[in-house]
Amino acid sequence: MSPTMRAVVAWNIADIKNGAGPASALHITEVPMPVPEDAQALVKIKAFGLNRMDLLQREGMYPVPPQAPRTLGVEFSGTIHKVAKNAEADFKEGDEVFGLAYGGAYAEYIAVSTHMLIHKPNELSWEQAAGIPETWITATQAMYLVGEFAPGKSILWHAGASSVSIAGIQLSKGDSASAIYVTAGSDEKIGFCKSLGATAGFNYRTQDWAKEILRATNGKGVDVVIDFVGQNYFQGNLDVAAKDGRIVNLGALSGTKLPAGVDIGAFVRKRIRFEGSSLRSRDEEYQGKLRNTLVEHALPKLRDGNFTVPIEKVFPWEEIVQAHELMESNKTKGKIICTIG
């Protein structure tokens, strides 16, 4: 009989795949243990982080890559239990690591490419390390590879208190942005973003953020816009983008269909480039390059405390339902982490 492990699944995993799956459907059960192949390692998981895509996947609304296991979860920390024959030479049994996967992190063990593993510094807890990979690599990708950020440029992070933007604000400050703007849904969240290094923030519930940013920049706008909202912010993003600006779209929380009357003239008038991007669908080589960029730009400052990983709450993984419900509340200002053991 093949070895088994415990993992979080839904009462009817087929229902989740096909579009139905409330948080209450999640539970822990026995499943087959993965076997590491090629360049993979088998990691015994200590902690894993929750992400918005987990909720969407649970509800059948996320395009899961074909190589992803059916178990949720893409970021984790833990110890290497076994390595396959073509694993990177720098990783061996017993190493403490954290990393990114196509899926499968809500479990006791995960088989993951060593190209996406990072050695865990002693300065970081298991919980902090588990909250880094998806959010910090996504922020790094959006800023540098897609948005072409460079020191001296200005940047706008929508959903400022989201985990990706929390990372992005710190990366922007650490790499000498001329100004860092955020939008958020409460003054409390804006204050939190300012404590991380944001220059100014705008409450989208009470302010016209696009007009406020143009006022703050004397009409110039911002060089790089990072957006997760989509439809509702499309026109505003065009309005606030500076000449030769870059708009990076990472999601469409408000929808994908634009209303009548949207003016796209800014694309030509201001030479704006709009580009969508994703991380989970990328191949291992691309993700490996992003890992190396994260290690270069962020890991030293995560180790010395200049960059932080704010954690909203840590749950034992037996409380995965409550963890998902907290993320669904949209009231968090940091990572939600689950621990195993």
C-alpha atoms as a PDB file:
ATOM      1  CA  MET A   1       0.000   0.000   0.000  1.00  0.00           C
ATOM      2  CA  SER A   2       1.315   3.469  -0.902  1.00  0.00           C
ATOM      3  CA  PRO A   3       2.155   5.845   1.965  1.00  0.00           C
ATOM      4  CA  THR A   4      -0.530   8.352   2.898  1.00  0.00           C
ATOM      5  CA  MET A   5      -0.614  11.756   4.539  1.00  0.00           C
ATOM      6  CA  ARG A   6      -3.237  14.175   5.799  1.00  0.00           C
ATOM      7  CA  ALA A   7      -4.403  17.009   3.571  1.00  0.00           C
ATOM      8  CA  VAL A   8      -7.209  19.563   3.392  1.00  0.00           C
ATOM      9  CA  VAL A   9      -9.848  18.593   0.832  1.00  0.00           C
ATOM     10  CA  ALA A  10     -13.520  19.371   0.328  1.00  0.00           C
ATOM     11  CA  TRP A  11     -16.413  17.071   1.057  1.00  0.00           C
ATOM     12  CA  ASN A  12     -16.959  16.867  -2.674  1.00  0.00           C
ATOM     13  CA  ILE A  13     -13.794  17.850  -4.519  1.00  0.00           C
ATOM     14  CA  ALA A  14     -15.548  17.390  -7.856  1.00  0.00           C
ATOM     15  CA  ASP A  15     -18.067  20.042  -6.861  1.00  0.00           C
ATOM     16  CA  ILE A  16     -15.261  22.488  -6.104  1.00  0.00           C
ATOM     17  CA  LYS A  17     -13.644  21.819  -9.472  1.00  0.00           C
ATOM     18  CA  ASN A  18     -16.938  22.410 -11.242  1.00  0.00           C
ATOM     19  CA  GLY A  19     -17.897  25.605  -9.483  1.00  0.00           C
ATOM     20  CA  ALA A  20     -19.315  25.057  -5.987  1.00  0.00           C
ATOM     21  CA  GLY A  21     -17.500  24.961  -2.707  1.00  0.00           C
ATOM     22  CA  PRO A  22     -18.149  26.964   0.456  1.00  0.00           C
ATOM     23  CA  ALA A  23     -15.506  27.231   3.156  1.00  0.00           C
ATOM     24  CA  SER A  24     -17.532  24.788   5.264  1.00  0.00           C
ATOM     25  CA  ALA A  25     -16.776  22.038   2.730  1.00  0.00           C
ATOM     26  CA  LEU A  26     -13.086  21.970   3.703  1.00  0.00           C
ATOM     27  CA  HIS A  27     -11.829  19.232   6.008  1.00  0.00           C
ATOM     28  CA  ILE A  28      -8.737  17.129   6.708  1.00  0.00           C
ATOM     29  CA  THR A  29      -8.520  13.549   5.482  1.00  0.00           C
ATOM     30  CA  GLU A  30      -6.022  10.898   4.338  1.00  0.00           C
ATOM     31  CA  VAL A  31      -4.695  11.128   0.769  1.00  0.00           C
ATOM     32  CA  PRO A  32      -1.761   9.480  -1.067  1.00  0.00           C
ATOM     33  CA  MET A  33       1.634  10.992  -0.277  1.00  0.00           C
ATOM     34  CA  PRO A  34       3.319  12.545  -3.349  1.00  0.00           C
ATOM     35  CA  VAL A  35       6.567  11.098  -4.690  1.00  0.00           C
ATOM     36  CA  PRO A  36       9.286  13.598  -5.703  1.00  0.00           C
ATOM     37  CA  GLU A  37      10.493  13.251  -9.285  1.00  0.00           C
ATOM     38  CA  ASP A  38      13.206  14.770 -11.471  1.00  0.00           C
ATOM     39  CA  ALA A  39      14.263  18.096  -9.846  1.00  0.00           C
ATOM     40  CA  GLN A  40      11.735  17.947  -7.015  1.00  0.00           C
ATOM     41  CA  ALA A  41      12.047  17.633  -3.251  1.00  0.00           C
ATOM     42  CA  LEU A  42       9.521  16.206  -0.820  1.00  0.00           C
ATOM     43  CA  VAL A  43       9.004  18.813   1.893  1.00  0.00           C
ATOM     44  CA  LYS A  44       7.384  18.159   5.273  1.00  0.00           C
ATOM     45  CA  ILE A  45       5.252  21.249   5.762  1.00  0.00           C
ATOM     46  CA  LYS A  46       5.367  23.310   8.951  1.00  0.00           C
ATOM     47  CA  ALA A  47       3.127  26.192   7.808  1.00  0.00           C
ATOM     48  CA  PHE A  48       1.272  27.396   4.730  1.00  0.00           C
ATOM     49  CA  GLY A  49      -0.152  30.737   3.645  1.00  0.00           C
ATOM     50  CA  LEU A  50      -3.623  31.547   2.355  1.00  0.00           C
ATOM     51  CA  ASN A  51      -4.133  33.556  -0.824  1.00  0.00           C
ATOM     52  CA  ARG A  52      -7.112  35.027  -2.633  1.00  0.00           C
ATOM     53  CA  MET A  53      -6.687  32.486  -5.413  1.00  0.00           C
ATOM     54  CA  ASP A  54      -7.382  29.716  -2.870  1.00  0.00           C
ATOM     55  CA  LEU A  55     -10.888  31.089  -2.356  1.00  0.00           C
ATOM     56  CA  LEU A  56     -11.448  31.359  -6.092  1.00  0.00           C
ATOM     57  CA  GLN A  57     -10.147  27.839  -6.706  1.00  0.00           C
ATOM     58  CA  ARG A  58     -12.307  26.490  -3.914  1.00  0.00           C
ATOM     59  CA  GLU A  59     -15.322  28.018  -5.643  1.00  0.00           C
ATOM     60  CA  GLY A  60     -14.311  26.707  -9.070  1.00  0.00           C
ATOM     61  CA  MET A  61     -13.509  30.173 -10.412  1.00  0.00           C
ATOM     62  CA  TYR A  62      -9.734  29.878 -10.886  1.00  0.00           C
ATOM     63  CA  PRO A  63      -7.941  28.380 -13.930  1.00  0.00           C
ATOM     64  CA  VAL A  64      -5.777  25.779 -12.204  1.00  0.00           C
ATOM     65  CA  PRO A  65      -2.619  24.763 -14.155  1.00  0.00           C
ATOM     66  CA  PRO A  66      -2.754  21.186 -15.469  1.00  0.00           C
ATOM     67  CA  GLN A  67       0.274  20.136 -13.417  1.00  0.00           C
ATOM     68  CA  ALA A  68      -1.291  21.308 -10.135  1.00  0.00           C
ATOM     69  CA  PRO A  69      -2.577  18.723  -7.653  1.00  0.00           C
ATOM     70  CA  ARG A  70      -6.182  19.037  -6.555  1.00  0.00           C
ATOM     71  CA  THR A  71      -5.194  20.084  -3.043  1.00  0.00           C
ATOM     72  CA  LEU A  72      -5.242  23.867  -2.477  1.00  0.00           C
ATOM     73  CA  GLY A  73      -2.289  26.022  -1.473  1.00  0.00           C
ATOM     74  CA  VAL A  74       0.743  27.452  -3.257  1.00  0.00           C
ATOM     75  CA  GLU A  75       3.104  28.729  -0.523  1.00  0.00           C
ATOM     76  CA  PHE A  76       4.631  26.961   2.461  1.00  0.00           C
ATOM     77  CA  SER A  77       7.589  26.475   4.771  1.00  0.00           C
ATOM     78  CA  GLY A  78       9.042  23.239   6.081  1.00  0.00           C
ATOM     79  CA  THR A  79      11.946  20.786   6.038  1.00  0.00           C
ATOM     80  CA  ILE A  80      13.168  18.685   3.135  1.00  0.00           C
ATOM     81  CA  HIS A  81      12.300  15.031   3.712  1.00  0.00           C
ATOM     82  CA  LYS A  82      13.718  13.629   0.482  1.00  0.00           C
ATOM     83  CA  VAL A  83      15.218  14.899  -2.794  1.00  0.00           C
ATOM     84  CA  ALA A  84      14.929  13.426  -6.287  1.00  0.00           C
ATOM     85  CA  LYS A  85      17.958  12.651  -8.431  1.00  0.00           C
ATOM     86  CA  ASN A  86      17.970  15.892 -10.462  1.00  0.00           C
ATOM     87  CA  ALA A  87      17.292  18.269  -7.590  1.00  0.00           C
ATOM     88  CA  GLU A  88      19.400  21.420  -7.314  1.00  0.00           C
ATOM     89  CA  ALA A  89      22.646  20.491  -5.568  1.00  0.00           C
ATOM     90  CA  ASP A  90      22.184  23.218  -2.980  1.00  0.00           C
ATOM     91  CA  PHE A  91      19.246  21.400  -1.365  1.00  0.00           C
ATOM     92  CA  LYS A  92      19.513  18.280   0.766  1.00  0.00           C
ATOM     93  CA  GLU A  93      17.504  16.260   3.273  1.00  0.00           C
ATOM     94  CA  GLY A  94      16.905  18.156   6.509  1.00  0.00           C
ATOM     95  CA  ASP A  95      17.240  21.652   5.036  1.00  0.00           C
ATOM     96  CA  GLU A  96      14.791  24.260   6.302  1.00  0.00           C
ATOM     97  CA  VAL A  97      13.121  25.883   3.294  1.00  0.00           C
ATOM     98  CA  PHE A  98      10.177  27.915   2.071  1.00  0.00           C
ATOM     99  CA  GLY A  99       8.809  28.047  -1.425  1.00  0.00           C
ATOM    100  CA  LEU A 100       6.183  28.305  -4.104  1.00  0.00           C
ATOM    101  CA  ALA A 101       4.246  25.452  -5.721  1.00  0.00           C
ATOM    102  CA  TYR A 102       1.564  24.978  -8.377  1.00  0.00           C
ATOM    103  CA  GLY A 103      -0.665  23.600  -5.612  1.00  0.00           C
ATOM    104  CA  GLY A 104      -0.778  21.071  -2.797  1.00  0.00           C
ATOM    105  CA  ALA A 105       0.440  23.140   0.175  1.00  0.00           C
ATOM    106  CA  TYR A 106      -2.597  22.426   2.382  1.00  0.00           C
ATOM    107  CA  ALA A 107      -1.024  19.103   3.367  1.00  0.00           C
ATOM    108  CA  GLU A 108       1.565  17.425   5.565  1.00  0.00           C
ATOM    109  CA  TYR A 109       3.926  16.879   2.618  1.00  0.00           C
ATOM    110  CA  ILE A 110       4.402  18.475  -0.793  1.00  0.00           C
ATOM    111  CA  ALA A 111       6.466  17.486  -3.835  1.00  0.00           C
ATOM    112  CA  VAL A 112       7.845  20.703  -5.309  1.00  0.00           C
ATOM    113  CA  SER A 113      10.542  21.777  -7.752  1.00  0.00           C
ATOM    114  CA  THR A 114      13.782  22.747  -6.050  1.00  0.00           C
ATOM    115  CA  HIS A 115      13.918  25.630  -8.549  1.00  0.00           C
ATOM    116  CA  MET A 116      11.203  27.234  -6.430  1.00  0.00           C
ATOM    117  CA  LEU A 117      12.703  26.614  -2.989  1.00  0.00           C
ATOM    118  CA  ILE A 118      14.602  29.127  -0.858  1.00  0.00           C
ATOM    119  CA  HIS A 119      16.667  28.330   2.221  1.00  0.00           C
ATOM    120  CA  LYS A 120      14.890  29.662   5.313  1.00  0.00           C
ATOM    121  CA  PRO A 121      17.036  32.121   7.273  1.00  0.00           C
ATOM    122  CA  ASN A 122      17.135  31.636  11.033  1.00  0.00           C
ATOM    123  CA  GLU A 123      15.830  35.189  11.421  1.00  0.00           C
ATOM    124  CA  LEU A 124      12.434  34.195   9.976  1.00  0.00           C
ATOM    125  CA  SER A 125       9.838  32.086  11.776  1.00  0.00           C
ATOM    126  CA  TRP A 126       8.061  29.247   9.998  1.00  0.00           C
ATOM    127  CA  GLU A 127       4.948  31.410   9.862  1.00  0.00           C
ATOM    128  CA  GLN A 128       6.748  34.417   8.382  1.00  0.00           C
ATOM    129  CA  ALA A 129       8.522  32.274   5.798  1.00  0.00           C
ATOM    130  CA  ALA A 130       5.258  30.662   4.703  1.00  0.00           C
ATOM    131  CA  GLY A 131       3.799  34.120   4.055  1.00  0.00           C
ATOM    132  CA  ILE A 132       6.528  35.248   1.665  1.00  0.00           C
ATOM    133  CA  PRO A 133       6.639  33.205  -1.568  1.00  0.00           C
ATOM    134  CA  GLU A 134       3.406  33.933  -3.450  1.00  0.00           C
ATOM    135  CA  THR A 135       2.943  37.525  -2.363  1.00  0.00           C
ATOM    136  CA  TRP A 136       6.531  38.741  -2.543  1.00  0.00           C
ATOM    137  CA  ILE A 137       7.297  36.955  -5.810  1.00  0.00           C
ATOM    138  CA  THR A 138       4.076  38.321  -7.337  1.00  0.00           C
ATOM    139  CA  ALA A 139       5.006  41.849  -6.227  1.00  0.00           C
ATOM    140  CA  THR A 140       8.533  41.400  -7.566  1.00  0.00           C
ATOM    141  CA  GLN A 141       7.225  40.141 -10.910  1.00  0.00           C
ATOM    142  CA  ALA A 142       4.700  42.962 -11.256  1.00  0.00           C
ATOM    143  CA  MET A 143       7.158  45.703 -10.341  1.00  0.00           C
ATOM    144  CA  TYR A 144      10.336  44.705 -12.103  1.00  0.00           C
ATOM    145  CA  LEU A 145       9.648  42.231 -14.890  1.00  0.00           C
ATOM    146  CA  VAL A 146       6.323  43.621 -16.109  1.00  0.00           C
ATOM    147  CA  GLY A 147       6.106  47.173 -14.776  1.00  0.00           C
ATOM    148  CA  GLU A 148       9.785  47.952 -15.462  1.00  0.00           C
ATOM    149  CA  PHE A 149      10.110  49.822 -12.179  1.00  0.00           C
ATOM    150  CA  ALA A 150      13.426  51.558 -11.538  1.00  0.00           C
ATOM    151  CA  PRO A 151      14.689  53.804  -8.721  1.00  0.00           C
ATOM    152  CA  GLY A 152      13.218  57.300  -8.971  1.00  0.00           C
ATOM    153  CA  LYS A 153       9.915  56.194 -10.539  1.00  0.00           C
ATOM    154  CA  SER A 154       6.556  56.661  -8.820  1.00  0.00           C
ATOM    155  CA  ILE A 155       4.161  53.767  -8.248  1.00  0.00           C
ATOM    156  CA  LEU A 156       0.533  53.129  -7.280  1.00  0.00           C
ATOM    157  CA  TRP A 157      -0.511  49.960  -5.465  1.00  0.00           C
ATOM    158  CA  HIS A 158      -4.251  49.308  -5.449  1.00  0.00           C
ATOM    159  CA  ALA A 159      -5.671  47.159  -2.618  1.00  0.00           C
ATOM    160  CA  GLY A 160      -2.915  48.638  -0.506  1.00  0.00           C
ATOM    161  CA  ALA A 161      -3.501  46.425   2.547  1.00  0.00           C
ATOM    162  CA  SER A 162      -3.481  43.206   0.518  1.00  0.00           C
ATOM    163  CA  SER A 163      -0.496  40.948   1.059  1.00  0.00           C
ATOM    164  CA  VAL A 164       0.928  41.558  -2.426  1.00  0.00           C
ATOM    165  CA  SER A 165       0.710  45.331  -2.033  1.00  0.00           C
ATOM    166  CA  ILE A 166       2.157  45.149   1.489  1.00  0.00           C
ATOM    167  CA  ALA A 167       5.198  43.507  -0.092  1.00  0.00           C
ATOM    168  CA  GLY A 168       5.145  45.954  -2.991  1.00  0.00           C
ATOM    169  CA  ILE A 169       5.068  49.045  -0.799  1.00  0.00           C
ATOM    170  CA  GLN A 170       8.186  47.844   1.008  1.00  0.00           C
ATOM    171  CA  LEU A 171       9.977  46.853  -2.205  1.00  0.00           C
ATOM    172  CA  SER A 172       9.164  50.272  -3.684  1.00  0.00           C
ATOM    173  CA  LYS A 173      10.501  52.096  -0.647  1.00  0.00           C
ATOM    174  CA  GLY A 174      13.585  49.893  -0.481  1.00  0.00           C
ATOM    175  CA  ASP A 175      14.363  50.602  -4.134  1.00  0.00           C
ATOM    176  CA  SER A 176      13.993  54.397  -3.836  1.00  0.00           C
ATOM    177  CA  ALA A 177      10.620  55.109  -5.444  1.00  0.00           C
ATOM    178  CA  SER A 178      10.026  58.843  -5.808  1.00  0.00           C
ATOM    179  CA  ALA A 179       6.473  58.398  -4.458  1.00  0.00           C
ATOM    180  CA  ILE A 180       4.346  55.430  -3.370  1.00  0.00           C
ATOM    181  CA  TYR A 181       0.560  55.768  -3.531  1.00  0.00           C
ATOM    182  CA  VAL A 182      -2.083  53.302  -2.382  1.00  0.00           C
ATOM    183  CA  THR A 183      -5.839  52.862  -2.434  1.00  0.00           C
ATOM    184  CA  ALA A 184      -7.727  51.019   0.289  1.00  0.00           C
ATOM    185  CA  GLY A 185     -11.227  50.726   1.710  1.00  0.00           C
ATOM    186  CA  SER A 186     -10.701  52.309   5.126  1.00  0.00           C
ATOM    187  CA  ASP A 187      -8.649  55.035   6.765  1.00  0.00           C
ATOM    188  CA  GLU A 188      -7.244  52.407   9.124  1.00  0.00           C
ATOM    189  CA  LYS A 189      -5.834  50.443   6.200  1.00  0.00           C
ATOM    190  CA  ILE A 190      -4.391  53.611   4.661  1.00  0.00           C
ATOM    191  CA  GLY A 191      -2.654  54.427   7.942  1.00  0.00           C
ATOM    192  CA  PHE A 192      -1.243  50.911   8.000  1.00  0.00           C
ATOM    193  CA  CYS A 193       0.105  51.344   4.453  1.00  0.00           C
ATOM    194  CA  LYS A 194       1.748  54.626   5.410  1.00  0.00           C
ATOM    195  CA  SER A 195       3.462  52.893   8.319  1.00  0.00           C
ATOM    196  CA  LEU A 196       5.067  50.562   5.767  1.00  0.00           C
ATOM    197  CA  GLY A 197       6.323  53.439   3.625  1.00  0.00           C
ATOM    198  CA  ALA A 198       3.457  54.677   1.437  1.00  0.00           C
ATOM    199  CA  THR A 199       3.675  58.383   0.624  1.00  0.00           C
ATOM    200  CA  ALA A 200      -0.089  58.877   0.551  1.00  0.00           C
ATOM    201  CA  GLY A 201      -3.245  56.792   0.445  1.00  0.00           C
ATOM    202  CA  PHE A 202      -6.798  57.307  -0.765  1.00  0.00           C
ATOM    203  CA  ASN A 203      -9.978  55.746   0.570  1.00  0.00           C
ATOM    204  CA  TYR A 204     -11.905  54.552  -2.472  1.00  0.00           C
ATOM    205  CA  ARG A 205     -15.140  54.527  -0.450  1.00  0.00           C
ATOM    206  CA  THR A 206     -15.010  58.236   0.372  1.00  0.00           C
ATOM    207  CA  GLN A 207     -12.647  59.777  -2.197  1.00  0.00           C
ATOM    208  CA  ASP A 208     -12.213  59.957  -5.941  1.00  0.00           C
ATOM    209  CA  TRP A 209      -8.792  58.343  -5.870  1.00  0.00           C
ATOM    210  CA  ALA A 210      -7.938  59.174  -9.482  1.00  0.00           C
ATOM    211  CA  LYS A 211      -8.576  62.894  -8.994  1.00  0.00           C
ATOM    212  CA  GLU A 212      -6.683  62.878  -5.707  1.00  0.00           C
ATOM    213  CA  ILE A 213      -3.625  61.223  -7.267  1.00  0.00           C
ATOM    214  CA  LEU A 214      -3.596  63.706 -10.145  1.00  0.00           C
ATOM    215  CA  ARG A 215      -3.827  66.510  -7.586  1.00  0.00           C
ATOM    216  CA  ALA A 216      -0.995  65.018  -5.535  1.00  0.00           C
ATOM    217  CA  THR A 217       1.220  64.673  -8.615  1.00  0.00           C
ATOM    218  CA  ASN A 218       0.359  68.104 -10.065  1.00  0.00           C
ATOM    219  CA  GLY A 219      -1.284  66.376 -13.007  1.00  0.00           C
ATOM    220  CA  LYS A 220       1.747  64.261 -13.952  1.00  0.00           C
ATOM    221  CA  GLY A 221       0.345  60.932 -12.754  1.00  0.00           C
ATOM    222  CA  VAL A 222       2.328  57.860 -11.737  1.00  0.00           C
ATOM    223  CA  ASP A 223       4.853  55.822 -13.685  1.00  0.00           C
ATOM    224  CA  VAL A 224       3.701  52.340 -12.631  1.00  0.00           C
ATOM    225  CA  VAL A 225       0.199  51.193 -11.621  1.00  0.00           C
ATOM    226  CA  ILE A 226      -0.388  47.753 -10.078  1.00  0.00           C
ATOM    227  CA  ASP A 227      -4.066  46.777 -10.187  1.00  0.00           C
ATOM    228  CA  PHE A 228      -6.125  43.822  -8.966  1.00  0.00           C
ATOM    229  CA  VAL A 229      -9.574  45.369  -9.417  1.00  0.00           C
ATOM    230  CA  GLY A 230     -10.131  45.452 -13.175  1.00  0.00           C
ATOM    231  CA  GLN A 231     -13.344  46.899 -14.576  1.00  0.00           C
ATOM    232  CA  ASN A 232     -14.100  49.568 -11.966  1.00  0.00           C
ATOM    233  CA  TYR A 233     -10.555  50.950 -12.018  1.00  0.00           C
ATOM    234  CA  PHE A 234      -9.788  50.694 -15.739  1.00  0.00           C
ATOM    235  CA  GLN A 235     -10.646  54.309 -16.627  1.00  0.00           C
ATOM    236  CA  GLY A 236      -9.091  55.672 -13.445  1.00  0.00           C
ATOM    237  CA  ASN A 237      -5.853  53.819 -14.148  1.00  0.00           C
ATOM    238  CA  LEU A 238      -5.671  55.330 -17.629  1.00  0.00           C
ATOM    239  CA  ASP A 239      -6.323  58.760 -16.143  1.00  0.00           C
ATOM    240  CA  VAL A 240      -3.555  58.556 -13.511  1.00  0.00           C
ATOM    241  CA  ALA A 241      -0.886  56.841 -15.608  1.00  0.00           C
ATOM    242  CA  ALA A 242       1.948  59.196 -16.513  1.00  0.00           C
ATOM    243  CA  LYS A 243       3.382  59.516 -19.997  1.00  0.00           C
ATOM    244  CA  ASP A 244       5.110  56.249 -20.954  1.00  0.00           C
ATOM    245  CA  GLY A 245       3.434  54.731 -17.899  1.00  0.00           C
ATOM    246  CA  ARG A 246       2.929  51.046 -17.242  1.00  0.00           C
ATOM    247  CA  ILE A 247      -0.320  49.540 -15.950  1.00  0.00           C
ATOM    248  CA  VAL A 248       0.057  45.973 -14.649  1.00  0.00           C
ATOM    249  CA  ASN A 249      -3.192  44.057 -14.210  1.00  0.00           C
ATOM    250  CA  LEU A 250      -3.064  41.105 -11.811  1.00  0.00           C
ATOM    251  CA  GLY A 251      -6.773  40.498 -11.293  1.00  0.00           C
ATOM    252  CA  ALA A 252     -10.329  41.572 -11.972  1.00  0.00           C
ATOM    253  CA  LEU A 253     -12.125  41.563  -8.645  1.00  0.00           C
ATOM    254  CA  SER A 254     -14.782  43.959  -9.958  1.00  0.00           C
ATOM    255  CA  GLY A 255     -15.288  42.160 -13.255  1.00  0.00           C
ATOM    256  CA  THR A 256     -13.812  42.003 -16.757  1.00  0.00           C
ATOM    257  CA  LYS A 257     -16.394  43.717 -18.971  1.00  0.00           C
ATOM    258  CA  LEU A 258     -15.916  47.456 -19.422  1.00  0.00           C
ATOM    259  CA  PRO A 259     -18.905  49.818 -19.362  1.00  0.00           C
ATOM    260  CA  ALA A 260     -19.875  51.977 -22.294  1.00  0.00           C
ATOM    261  CA  GLY A 261     -18.079  55.298 -22.456  1.00  0.00           C
ATOM    262  CA  VAL A 262     -14.594  54.163 -21.426  1.00  0.00           C
ATOM    263  CA  ASP A 263     -12.085  56.499 -23.102  1.00  0.00           C
ATOM    264  CA  ILE A 264      -8.987  54.644 -24.309  1.00  0.00           C
ATOM    265  CA  GLY A 265      -7.404  57.700 -25.899  1.00  0.00           C
ATOM    266  CA  ALA A 266      -4.703  57.774 -23.207  1.00  0.00           C
ATOM    267  CA  PHE A 267      -3.088  54.675 -24.686  1.00  0.00           C
ATOM    268  CA  VAL A 268      -1.940  56.742 -27.652  1.00  0.00           C
ATOM    269  CA  ARG A 269      -1.846  60.203 -26.083  1.00  0.00           C
ATOM    270  CA  LYS A 270       0.349  59.139 -23.171  1.00  0.00           C
ATOM    271  CA  ARG A 271       1.995  56.077 -24.775  1.00  0.00           C
ATOM    272  CA  ILE A 272       0.689  53.830 -22.007  1.00  0.00           C
ATOM    273  CA  ARG A 273       1.390  50.126 -21.929  1.00  0.00           C
ATOM    274  CA  PHE A 274      -1.245  47.898 -20.280  1.00  0.00           C
ATOM    275  CA  GLU A 275      -0.170  44.342 -19.539  1.00  0.00           C
ATOM    276  CA  GLY A 276      -1.809  41.506 -17.686  1.00  0.00           C
ATOM    277  CA  SER A 277       0.209  38.911 -15.859  1.00  0.00           C
ATOM    278  CA  SER A 278      -0.087  35.828 -13.692  1.00  0.00           C
ATOM    279  CA  LEU A 279       2.399  33.751 -11.740  1.00  0.00           C
ATOM    280  CA  ARG A 280       0.892  30.330 -11.183  1.00  0.00           C
ATOM    281  CA  SER A 281       0.613  29.502 -14.895  1.00  0.00           C
ATOM    282  CA  ARG A 282       4.289  30.237 -15.590  1.00  0.00           C
ATOM    283  CA  ASP A 283       6.792  27.463 -16.245  1.00  0.00           C
ATOM    284  CA  GLU A 284       9.439  26.431 -13.721  1.00  0.00           C
ATOM    285  CA  GLU A 285      12.250  28.246 -15.522  1.00  0.00           C
ATOM    286  CA  TYR A 286      10.400  31.562 -15.370  1.00  0.00           C
ATOM    287  CA  GLN A 287       9.413  31.037 -11.740  1.00  0.00           C
ATOM    288  CA  GLY A 288      12.996  30.134 -10.917  1.00  0.00           C
ATOM    289  CA  LYS A 289      14.182  33.475 -12.296  1.00  0.00           C
ATOM    290  CA  LEU A 290      11.614  35.212 -10.109  1.00  0.00           C
ATOM    291  CA  ARG A 291      12.864  33.272  -7.095  1.00  0.00           C
ATOM    292  CA  ASN A 292      16.363  34.544  -7.797  1.00  0.00           C
ATOM    293  CA  THR A 293      15.069  38.119  -8.163  1.00  0.00           C
ATOM    294  CA  LEU A 294      13.316  37.824  -4.798  1.00  0.00           C
ATOM    295  CA  VAL A 295      16.471  36.497  -3.154  1.00  0.00           C
ATOM    296  CA  GLU A 296      18.410  39.453  -4.585  1.00  0.00           C
ATOM    297  CA  HIS A 297      15.954  42.280  -3.909  1.00  0.00           C
ATOM    298  CA  ALA A 298      14.104  41.229  -0.766  1.00  0.00           C
ATOM    299  CA  LEU A 299      15.695  38.415   1.224  1.00  0.00           C
ATOM    300  CA  PRO A 300      18.577  40.463   2.718  1.00  0.00           C
ATOM    301  CA  LYS A 301      16.108  43.069   4.016  1.00  0.00           C
ATOM    302  CA  LEU A 302      13.716  40.406   5.260  1.00  0.00           C
ATOM    303  CA  ARG A 303      16.603  38.944   7.234  1.00  0.00           C
ATOM    304  CA  ASP A 304      17.729  42.215   8.795  1.00  0.00           C
ATOM    305  CA  GLY A 305      14.192  43.370   9.586  1.00  0.00           C
ATOM    306  CA  ASN A 306      13.993  46.303   7.155  1.00  0.00           C
ATOM    307  CA  PHE A 307      11.236  44.391   5.360  1.00  0.00           C
ATOM    308  CA  THR A 308       8.483  42.789   7.403  1.00  0.00           C
ATOM    309  CA  VAL A 309       5.838  40.134   6.804  1.00  0.00           C
ATOM    310  CA  PRO A 310       2.752  41.370   8.669  1.00  0.00           C
ATOM    311  CA  ILE A 311       0.626  38.444   9.817  1.00  0.00           C
ATOM    312  CA  GLU A 312      -3.049  39.013  10.521  1.00  0.00           C
ATOM    313  CA  LYS A 313      -3.636  35.703  12.285  1.00  0.00           C
ATOM    314  CA  VAL A 314      -2.200  32.209  12.652  1.00  0.00           C
ATOM    315  CA  PHE A 315      -4.587  29.253  12.744  1.00  0.00           C
ATOM    316  CA  PRO A 316      -3.909  25.586  13.431  1.00  0.00           C
ATOM    317  CA  TRP A 317      -4.730  23.894  10.156  1.00  0.00           C
ATOM    318  CA  GLU A 318      -7.599  22.087  11.834  1.00  0.00           C
ATOM    319  CA  GLU A 319      -9.325  25.507  11.707  1.00  0.00           C
ATOM    320  CA  ILE A 320      -8.978  25.890   7.933  1.00  0.00           C
ATOM    321  CA  VAL A 321     -12.683  26.734   7.611  1.00  0.00           C
ATOM    322  CA  GLN A 322     -12.332  29.688   9.978  1.00  0.00           C
ATOM    323  CA  ALA A 323      -9.160  30.790   8.161  1.00  0.00           C
ATOM    324  CA  HIS A 324     -10.982  30.900   4.814  1.00  0.00           C
ATOM    325  CA  GLU A 325     -13.911  32.722   6.376  1.00  0.00           C
ATOM    326  CA  LEU A 326     -11.558  35.382   7.755  1.00  0.00           C
ATOM    327  CA  MET A 327     -10.046  35.928   4.303  1.00  0.00           C
ATOM    328  CA  GLU A 328     -13.539  36.185   2.829  1.00  0.00           C
ATOM    329  CA  SER A 329     -14.345  39.006   5.287  1.00  0.00           C
ATOM    330  CA  ASN A 330     -11.898  41.364   3.490  1.00  0.00           C
ATOM    331  CA  LYS A 331     -10.953  42.876   6.846  1.00  0.00           C
ATOM    332  CA  THR A 332      -7.359  41.696   7.042  1.00  0.00           C
ATOM    333  CA  LYS A 333      -4.121  43.711   6.890  1.00  0.00           C
ATOM    334  CA  GLY A 334      -1.610  40.929   6.456  1.00  0.00           C
ATOM    335  CA  LYS A 335      -1.129  37.255   5.863  1.00  0.00           C
ATOM    336  CA  ILE A 336      -3.326  34.480   7.177  1.00  0.00           C
ATOM    337  CA  ILE A 337      -1.181  31.469   8.045  1.00  0.00           C
ATOM    338  CA  CYS A 338      -2.007  27.899   9.039  1.00  0.00           C
ATOM    339  CA  THR A 339       0.396  25.695  10.975  1.00  0.00           C
ATOM    340  CA  ILE A 340       0.655  21.901  10.963  1.00  0.00           C
ATOM    341  CA  GLY A 341       1.608  19.939  14.038  1.00  0.00           C
END
